[in-house]
PDB file of N, CA and C in Angstrom:
ATOM      1  N   MET A   1      13.460  12.064  15.259  1.00  0.00           N
ATOM      2  CA  MET A   1      12.070  11.213  14.440  1.00  0.00           C
ATOM      3  C   MET A   1      12.238   9.751  14.820  1.00  0.00           C
ATOM      4  N   SER A   2      10.987   9.248  14.718  1.00  0.00           N
ATOM      5  CA  SER A   2      10.760   7.631  15.424  1.00  0.00           C
ATOM      6  C   SER A   2      10.359   6.856  14.411  1.00  0.00           C
ATOM      7  N   ILE A   3      10.806   6.182  14.172  1.00  0.00           N
ATOM      8  CA  ILE A   3      10.241   5.225  13.081  1.00  0.00           C
ATOM      9  C   ILE A   3       9.402   4.601  13.609  1.00  0.00           C
ATOM     10  N   ARG A   4       8.048   4.042  12.810  1.00  0.00           N
ATOM     11  CA  ARG A   4       7.013   3.508  13.619  1.00  0.00           C
ATOM     12  C   ARG A   4       6.671   2.046  12.143  1.00  0.00           C
ATOM     13  N   SER A   5       6.316   1.801  12.545  1.00  0.00           N
ATOM     14  CA  SER A   5       6.404   0.128  11.967  1.00  0.00           C
ATOM     15  C   SER A   5       5.306   0.405  10.670  1.00  0.00           C
ATOM     16  N   TRP A   6       5.141  -0.513  10.239  1.00  0.00           N
ATOM     17  CA  TRP A   6       3.923  -0.904   9.406  1.00  0.00           C
ATOM     18  C   TRP A   6       2.949  -1.832   9.738  1.00  0.00           C
ATOM     19  N   ARG A   7       1.949  -1.420  10.054  1.00  0.00           N
ATOM     20  CA  ARG A   7       0.886  -2.468  10.287  1.00  0.00           C
ATOM     21  C   ARG A   7       0.346  -3.338   9.005  1.00  0.00           C
ATOM     22  N   ASP A   8      -0.213  -4.138   9.048  1.00  0.00           N
ATOM     23  CA  ASP A   8      -0.793  -4.434   7.734  1.00  0.00           C
ATOM     24  C   ASP A   8      -1.732  -3.789   7.064  1.00  0.00           C
ATOM     25  N   GLU A   9      -2.476  -3.411   8.401  1.00  0.00           N
ATOM     26  CA  GLU A   9      -3.953  -2.576   7.862  1.00  0.00           C
ATOM     27  C   GLU A   9      -3.756  -1.610   6.855  1.00  0.00           C
ATOM     28  N   GLU A  10      -3.001  -0.895   7.717  1.00  0.00           N
ATOM     29  CA  GLU A  10      -2.041   0.633   7.680  1.00  0.00           C
ATOM     30  C   GLU A  10      -1.755   0.515   5.636  1.00  0.00           C
ATOM     31  N   MET A  11      -0.586  -0.912   5.097  1.00  0.00           N
ATOM     32  CA  MET A  11      -0.271  -0.945   4.563  1.00  0.00           C
ATOM     33  C   MET A  11      -1.175  -1.445   3.448  1.00  0.00           C
ATOM     34  N   LEU A  12      -2.517  -2.336   3.495  1.00  0.00           N
ATOM     35  CA  LEU A  12      -3.311  -2.354   2.489  1.00  0.00           C
ATOM     36  C   LEU A  12      -4.327  -1.271   2.300  1.00  0.00           C
ATOM     37  N   SER A  13      -4.150  -0.021   3.533  1.00  0.00           N
ATOM     38  CA  SER A  13      -4.776   0.717   2.862  1.00  0.00           C
ATOM     39  C   SER A  13      -4.096   1.750   2.281  1.00  0.00           C
ATOM     40  N   VAL A  14      -2.959   1.831   1.997  1.00  0.00           N
ATOM     41  CA  VAL A  14      -1.613   2.400   1.445  1.00  0.00           C
ATOM     42  C   VAL A  14      -2.199   2.416  -0.148  1.00  0.00           C
ATOM     43  N   LEU A  15      -2.357   0.971  -0.106  1.00  0.00           N
ATOM     44  CA  LEU A  15      -2.672   0.119  -1.425  1.00  0.00           C
ATOM     45  C   LEU A  15      -3.528   0.704  -1.970  1.00  0.00           C
ATOM     46  N   HIS A  16      -5.097   0.083  -1.572  1.00  0.00           N
ATOM     47  CA  HIS A  16      -6.768   0.282  -1.995  1.00  0.00           C
ATOM     48  C   HIS A  16      -6.685   2.060  -2.352  1.00  0.00           C
ATOM     49  N   MET A  17      -5.837   3.346  -1.248  1.00  0.00           N
ATOM     50  CA  MET A  17      -6.122   4.658  -1.554  1.00  0.00           C
ATOM     51  C   MET A  17      -5.093   4.292  -2.935  1.00  0.00           C
ATOM     52  N   ARG A  18      -4.140   4.157  -3.357  1.00  0.00           N
ATOM     53  CA  ARG A  18      -3.532   4.112  -4.447  1.00  0.00           C
ATOM     54  C   ARG A  18      -4.325   3.803  -5.544  1.00  0.00           C
ATOM     55  N   ASP A  19      -4.754   2.745  -5.546  1.00  0.00           N
ATOM     56  CA  ASP A  19      -4.933   1.766  -6.755  1.00  0.00           C
ATOM     57  C   ASP A  19      -6.338   1.704  -7.077  1.00  0.00           C
ATOM     58  N   ILE A  20      -7.554   2.505  -6.246  1.00  0.00           N
ATOM     59  CA  ILE A  20      -8.621   1.995  -6.368  1.00  0.00           C
ATOM     60  C   ILE A  20      -9.572   3.357  -6.395  1.00  0.00           C
ATOM     61  N   GLU A  21      -8.643   4.295  -5.299  1.00  0.00           N
ATOM     62  CA  GLU A  21      -9.213   5.777  -5.229  1.00  0.00           C
ATOM     63  C   GLU A  21      -7.813   6.384  -6.100  1.00  0.00           C
ATOM     64  N   GLY A  22      -7.233   6.517  -6.466  1.00  0.00           N
ATOM     65  CA  GLY A  22      -6.386   6.954  -7.579  1.00  0.00           C
ATOM     66  C   GLY A  22      -5.729   8.330  -6.623  1.00  0.00           C
ATOM     67  N   LEU A  23      -5.403   7.953  -5.692  1.00  0.00           N
ATOM     68  CA  LEU A  23      -4.710   9.317  -4.596  1.00  0.00           C
ATOM     69  C   LEU A  23      -2.993   9.153  -5.018  1.00  0.00           C
ATOM     70  N   LYS A  24      -2.717  10.556  -5.173  1.00  0.00           N
ATOM     71  CA  LYS A  24      -1.167  10.554  -5.033  1.00  0.00           C
ATOM     72  C   LYS A  24      -0.741  10.493  -3.761  1.00  0.00           C
ATOM     73  N   PHE A  25       0.328  10.295  -4.231  1.00  0.00           N
ATOM     74  CA  PHE A  25       1.801   9.606  -2.404  1.00  0.00           C
ATOM     75  C   PHE A  25       1.129  10.729  -1.386  1.00  0.00           C
ATOM     76  N   GLN A  26       1.585  12.096  -2.013  1.00  0.00           N
ATOM     77  CA  GLN A  26       1.554  12.662  -0.621  1.00  0.00           C
ATOM     78  C   GLN A  26       0.081  13.143   0.297  1.00  0.00           C
ATOM     79  N   ARG A  27      -0.713  13.107  -1.154  1.00  0.00           N
ATOM     80  CA  ARG A  27      -2.470  12.938  -0.149  1.00  0.00           C
ATOM     81  C   ARG A  27      -2.615  11.715   0.755  1.00  0.00           C
ATOM     82  N   ILE A  28      -1.865  10.231  -0.017  1.00  0.00           N
ATOM     83  CA  ILE A  28      -2.173   9.226   1.280  1.00  0.00           C
ATOM     84  C   ILE A  28      -1.260   9.489   2.101  1.00  0.00           C
ATOM     85  N   ALA A  29      -0.420  10.118   2.389  1.00  0.00           N
ATOM     86  CA  ALA A  29       1.134  10.038   3.756  1.00  0.00           C
ATOM     87  C   ALA A  29       0.034  11.398   4.398  1.00  0.00           C
ATOM     88  N   ASP A  30      -0.411  12.266   3.784  1.00  0.00           N
ATOM     89  CA  ASP A  30      -1.168  13.001   4.947  1.00  0.00           C
ATOM     90  C   ASP A  30      -2.379  12.824   5.530  1.00  0.00           C
ATOM     91  N   ALA A  31      -2.992  11.482   4.545  1.00  0.00           N
ATOM     92  CA  ALA A  31      -4.503  10.769   5.146  1.00  0.00           C
ATOM     93  C   ALA A  31      -4.011  10.264   6.544  1.00  0.00           C
ATOM     94  N   ILE A  32      -2.968   9.668   6.150  1.00  0.00           N
ATOM     95  CA  ILE A  32      -2.401   8.099   7.400  1.00  0.00           C
ATOM     96  C   ILE A  32      -1.570   8.895   8.042  1.00  0.00           C
ATOM     97  N   GLY A  33      -0.655   9.964   8.052  1.00  0.00           N
ATOM     98  CA  GLY A  33      -0.284  10.853   8.879  1.00  0.00           C
ATOM     99  C   GLY A  33       1.292   9.802   8.960  1.00  0.00           C
ATOM    100  N   ARG A  34       2.094   9.883   7.921  1.00  0.00           N
ATOM    101  CA  ARG A  34       3.388   9.910   7.757  1.00  0.00           C
ATOM    102  C   ARG A  34       4.048  10.764   6.600  1.00  0.00           C
ATOM    103  N   GLY A  35       4.999  10.523   6.484  1.00  0.00           N
ATOM    104  CA  GLY A  35       6.178  11.386   5.417  1.00  0.00           C
ATOM    105  C   GLY A  35       5.888  10.577   3.782  1.00  0.00           C
ATOM    106  N   LYS A  36       5.503  11.461   2.943  1.00  0.00           N
ATOM    107  CA  LYS A  36       5.420  10.990   1.464  1.00  0.00           C
ATOM    108  C   LYS A  36       6.694   9.866   1.040  1.00  0.00           C
ATOM    109  N   ASN A  37       7.533  10.560   1.963  1.00  0.00           N
ATOM    110  CA  ASN A  37       9.341   9.231   1.420  1.00  0.00           C
ATOM    111  C   ASN A  37       8.560   7.893   2.061  1.00  0.00           C
ATOM    112  N   SER A  38       7.608   7.791   3.262  1.00  0.00           N
ATOM    113  CA  SER A  38       7.507   6.517   3.395  1.00  0.00           C
ATOM    114  C   SER A  38       6.719   6.054   3.036  1.00  0.00           C
ATOM    115  N   VAL A  39       5.713   6.471   2.488  1.00  0.00           N
ATOM    116  CA  VAL A  39       4.798   5.579   1.625  1.00  0.00           C
ATOM    117  C   VAL A  39       5.237   5.600   0.487  1.00  0.00           C
ATOM    118  N   VAL A  40       6.048   6.001  -0.227  1.00  0.00           N
ATOM    119  CA  VAL A  40       6.430   5.727  -1.345  1.00  0.00           C
ATOM    120  C   VAL A  40       7.663   4.466  -1.590  1.00  0.00           C
ATOM    121  N   GLY A  41       8.509   4.664   0.041  1.00  0.00           N
ATOM    122  CA  GLY A  41       8.863   3.430   0.258  1.00  0.00           C
ATOM    123  C   GLY A  41       8.545   2.349   0.488  1.00  0.00           C
ATOM    124  N   VAL A  42       7.439   2.554   0.697  1.00  0.00           N
ATOM    125  CA  VAL A  42       6.931   1.134   1.270  1.00  0.00           C
ATOM    126  C   VAL A  42       6.049   0.451   0.637  1.00  0.00           C
ATOM    127  N   VAL A  43       5.111   1.396  -0.445  1.00  0.00           N
ATOM    128  CA  VAL A  43       4.625   0.870  -1.469  1.00  0.00           C
ATOM    129  C   VAL A  43       5.863   0.196  -2.304  1.00  0.00           C
ATOM    130  N   ASN A  44       6.782   0.418  -2.580  1.00  0.00           N
ATOM    131  CA  ASN A  44       8.119   0.395  -3.284  1.00  0.00           C
ATOM    132  C   ASN A  44       8.708  -1.381  -2.985  1.00  0.00           C
ATOM    133  N   ARG A  45       8.717  -1.344  -1.725  1.00  0.00           N
ATOM    134  CA  ARG A  45       8.986  -2.520  -1.376  1.00  0.00           C
ATOM    135  C   ARG A  45       8.208  -3.671  -1.123  1.00  0.00           C
ATOM    136  N   ILE A  46       6.509  -3.155  -1.165  1.00  0.00           N
ATOM    137  CA  ILE A  46       5.717  -4.115  -1.500  1.00  0.00           C
ATOM    138  C   ILE A  46       5.788  -4.847  -3.002  1.00  0.00           C
ATOM    139  N   ASN A  47       5.814  -3.776  -4.072  1.00  0.00           N
ATOM    140  CA  ASN A  47       5.750  -4.378  -5.588  1.00  0.00           C
ATOM    141  C   ASN A  47       7.263  -5.062  -5.718  1.00  0.00           C
ATOM    142  N   ASN A  48       8.088  -4.786  -5.155  1.00  0.00           N
ATOM    143  CA  ASN A  48       9.371  -5.226  -4.798  1.00  0.00           C
ATOM    144  C   ASN A  48       9.186  -7.173  -4.651  1.00  0.00           C
ATOM    145  N   GLU A  49       8.615  -6.852  -3.639  1.00  0.00           N
ATOM    146  CA  GLU A  49       8.272  -8.398  -3.081  1.00  0.00           C
ATOM    147  C   GLU A  49       7.424  -9.404  -3.589  1.00  0.00           C
ATOM    148  N   THR A  50       5.788  -8.752  -4.079  1.00  0.00           N
ATOM    149  CA  THR A  50       4.907  -9.072  -4.915  1.00  0.00           C
ATOM    150  C   THR A  50       5.412  -9.662  -6.441  1.00  0.00           C
ATOM    151  N   ASP A  51       6.571  -8.371  -6.882  1.00  0.00           N
ATOM    152  CA  ASP A  51       7.203  -9.233  -8.602  1.00  0.00           C
ATOM    153  C   ASP A  51       7.766 -10.135  -7.965  1.00  0.00           C
ATOM    154  N   SER A  52       8.427 -10.813  -7.151  1.00  0.00           N
ATOM    155  CA  SER A  52       9.204 -11.168  -7.013  1.00  0.00           C
ATOM    156  C   SER A  52       8.661 -12.892  -6.749  1.00  0.00           C
ATOM    157  N   THR A  53       7.351 -12.736  -5.917  1.00  0.00           N
ATOM    158  CA  THR A  53       6.820 -14.323  -5.324  1.00  0.00           C
ATOM    159  C   THR A  53       6.062 -14.343  -6.477  1.00  0.00           C
ATOM    160  N   ASP A  54       5.157 -13.308  -7.288  1.00  0.00           N
ATOM    161  CA  ASP A  54       4.288 -13.351  -8.379  1.00  0.00           C
ATOM    162  C   ASP A  54       4.614 -13.473  -9.720  1.00  0.00           C
ATOM    163  N   LYS A  55       5.208 -13.590 -10.511  1.00  0.00           N
ATOM    164  CA  LYS A  55       5.598 -12.920 -11.503  1.00  0.00           C
ATOM    165  C   LYS A  55       4.444 -13.584 -12.618  1.00  0.00           C
ATOM    166  N   ALA A  56       3.863 -14.176 -12.476  1.00  0.00           N
ATOM    167  CA  ALA A  56       2.652 -14.318 -13.354  1.00  0.00           C
ATOM    168  C   ALA A  56       1.413 -13.323 -13.695  1.00  0.00           C
ATOM    169  N   GLY A  57       1.881 -13.064 -12.294  1.00  0.00           N
ATOM    170  CA  GLY A  57       0.719 -11.870 -11.442  1.00  0.00           C
ATOM    171  C   GLY A  57      -0.956 -12.338 -12.184  1.00  0.00           C
ATOM    172  N   ASN A  58      -1.281 -13.282 -13.008  1.00  0.00           N
ATOM    173  CA  ASN A  58      -3.122 -13.510 -13.114  1.00  0.00           C
ATOM    174  C   ASN A  58      -4.015 -13.151 -12.183  1.00  0.00           C
ATOM    175  N   GLN A  59      -3.824 -13.188 -10.830  1.00  0.00           N
ATOM    176  CA  GLN A  59      -5.056 -13.343  -9.976  1.00  0.00           C
ATOM    177  C   GLN A  59      -4.815 -11.560  -9.230  1.00  0.00           C
ATOM    178  N   ASN A  60      -3.896 -11.091  -9.514  1.00  0.00           N
ATOM    179  CA  ASN A  60      -4.061  -9.702  -9.454  1.00  0.00           C
ATOM    180  C   ASN A  60      -5.609  -8.985  -9.005  1.00  0.00           C
ATOM    181  N   GLY A  61      -6.123  -8.254  -8.270  1.00  0.00           N
ATOM    182  CA  GLY A  61      -6.997  -7.607  -8.645  1.00  0.00           C
ATOM    183  C   GLY A  61      -8.305  -8.625  -8.272  1.00  0.00           C
ATOM    184  N   THR A  62      -8.262 -10.140  -8.016  1.00  0.00           N
ATOM    185  CA  THR A  62      -9.752 -10.620  -7.891  1.00  0.00           C
ATOM    186  C   THR A  62     -10.263 -10.736  -6.708  1.00  0.00           C
ATOM    187  N   LEU A  63      -9.941  -9.802  -5.673  1.00  0.00           N
ATOM    188  CA  LEU A  63     -10.440  -9.634  -4.397  1.00  0.00           C
ATOM    189  C   LEU A  63     -11.329  -8.281  -4.603  1.00  0.00           C
ATOM    190  N   SER A  64     -11.790  -8.451  -4.159  1.00  0.00           N
ATOM    191  CA  SER A  64     -13.030  -7.285  -3.141  1.00  0.00           C
ATOM    192  C   SER A  64     -12.253  -5.852  -2.290  1.00  0.00           C
ATOM    193  N   PRO A  65     -12.383  -4.541  -3.285  1.00  0.00           N
ATOM    194  CA  PRO A  65     -11.740  -3.781  -2.525  1.00  0.00           C
ATOM    195  C   PRO A  65     -12.572  -3.735  -1.143  1.00  0.00           C
ATOM    196  N   LYS A  66     -10.977  -3.161  -0.226  1.00  0.00           N
ATOM    197  CA  LYS A  66     -11.284  -3.556   1.243  1.00  0.00           C
ATOM    198  C   LYS A  66     -11.629  -4.594   1.948  1.00  0.00           C
ATOM    199  N   TRP A  67     -11.194  -6.011   0.962  1.00  0.00           N
ATOM    200  CA  TRP A  67     -11.453  -7.186   1.475  1.00  0.00           C
ATOM    201  C   TRP A  67     -11.149  -7.471   3.125  1.00  0.00           C
ATOM    202  N   TRP A  68      -9.945  -6.749   3.385  1.00  0.00           N
ATOM    203  CA  TRP A  68      -9.513  -6.939   4.731  1.00  0.00           C
ATOM    204  C   TRP A  68     -10.005  -6.174   6.007  1.00  0.00           C
ATOM    205  N   VAL A  69     -11.105  -5.577   5.436  1.00  0.00           N
ATOM    206  CA  VAL A  69     -12.214  -4.915   6.465  1.00  0.00           C
ATOM    207  C   VAL A  69     -13.113  -5.593   7.016  1.00  0.00           C
ATOM    208  N   ARG A  70     -13.350  -5.718   8.675  1.00  0.00           N
ATOM    209  CA  ARG A  70     -14.329  -6.702   9.486  1.00  0.00           C
ATOM    210  C   ARG A  70     -15.778  -5.784   8.483  1.00  0.00           C
TER     211      ARG A  70
END
């Protein structure tokens, strides 16, 4: 099995599907063509990184949904 790198847009889409659309990890994985454990892993890495750099979290959720889409 080959390992594909995660593109920024792909990670943002995962967070959108989880946080805004309320989808479960398996549904997200099916939608983007990745394994469930891969999705869980990237979400955990994102959460750990943001928790360590944004301790106050006072600006979380201030951008509109899909702000990165052109």
